[in-house]
């Protein structure tokens, strides 16, 4: 995921992450560790946040009628 692909956006000091359906379809895991990194003007990678997330398997039914 990247800000270059539009999956990560920063607006008014908030970070928005968009995870598309194809990235979670059929997965068997329930939790995962994550970290957020940025690259400074010297091309040094810095980890600025991290934690663990829980995946909620939510299925939205669509009526095509």
Protein backbone atom coordinates (compact mmCIF):
# COMPACT_ATOMS: atom_id res chain seq x y z
CA UNK A 1 0.00 0.00 0.00
CA UNK A 2 1.22 3.45 -0.81
CA UNK A 3 0.27 7.09 -1.09
CA UNK A 4 1.48 6.86 -4.70
CA UNK A 5 -1.32 4.39 -5.52
CA UNK A 6 -3.99 6.32 -3.60
CA UNK A 7 -4.46 3.63 -0.95
CA UNK A 8 -3.02 5.96 1.70
CA UNK A 9 -3.99 9.63 1.92
CA UNK A 10 -3.13 12.34 4.45
CA UNK A 11 -5.61 15.15 5.03
CA UNK A 12 -5.82 17.63 7.92
CA UNK A 13 -3.33 15.61 10.03
CA UNK A 14 -5.34 12.40 9.58
CA UNK A 15 -4.18 9.31 7.69
CA UNK A 16 -6.81 7.52 5.62
CA UNK A 17 -6.18 3.95 4.47
CA UNK A 18 -8.32 2.28 1.83
CA UNK A 19 -8.08 -1.50 1.55
CA UNK A 20 -9.73 -2.91 -1.54
CA UNK A 21 -11.82 -6.08 -1.47
CA UNK A 22 -9.31 -8.06 -3.55
CA UNK A 23 -6.67 -7.64 -0.82
CA UNK A 24 -8.80 -9.43 1.81
CA UNK A 25 -10.94 -11.79 -0.26
CA UNK A 26 -10.52 -15.36 0.97
CA UNK A 27 -7.91 -14.61 3.64
CA UNK A 28 -7.73 -16.93 6.65
CA UNK A 29 -5.94 -14.61 9.07
CA UNK A 30 -7.82 -12.59 11.70
CA UNK A 31 -5.14 -10.16 12.89
CA UNK A 32 -1.92 -8.68 11.56
CA UNK A 33 0.82 -6.32 12.66
CA UNK A 34 1.28 -3.09 10.70
CA UNK A 35 3.67 -0.17 10.55
CA UNK A 36 3.60 3.19 8.86
CA UNK A 37 6.83 4.39 7.31
CA UNK A 38 7.88 7.60 5.61
CA UNK A 39 10.92 8.48 3.55
CA UNK A 40 12.70 11.72 4.43
CA UNK A 41 14.53 14.10 2.11
CA UNK A 42 17.71 12.01 2.52
CA UNK A 43 15.88 8.83 1.41
CA UNK A 44 16.05 7.40 4.94
CA UNK A 45 13.07 5.22 5.85
CA UNK A 46 11.56 5.98 9.25
CA UNK A 47 8.84 4.07 11.06
CA UNK A 48 6.48 6.61 12.62
CA UNK A 49 3.64 4.39 13.91
CA UNK A 50 2.67 0.76 14.27
CA UNK A 51 0.32 -1.65 15.94
CA UNK A 52 -1.97 -4.58 15.33
CA UNK A 53 -5.26 -4.69 13.44
CA UNK A 54 -8.18 -7.09 13.56
CA UNK A 55 -9.88 -8.03 10.31
CA UNK A 56 -13.68 -8.01 10.55
CA UNK A 57 -15.12 -10.34 7.92
CA UNK A 58 -18.08 -8.29 6.72
CA UNK A 59 -20.04 -9.41 3.70
CA UNK A 60 -22.31 -6.86 2.07
CA UNK A 61 -25.09 -8.41 0.03
CA UNK A 62 -25.91 -6.65 -3.24
CA UNK A 63 -29.30 -6.96 -4.89
CA UNK A 64 -28.87 -6.61 -8.66
CA UNK A 65 -32.59 -6.42 -9.43
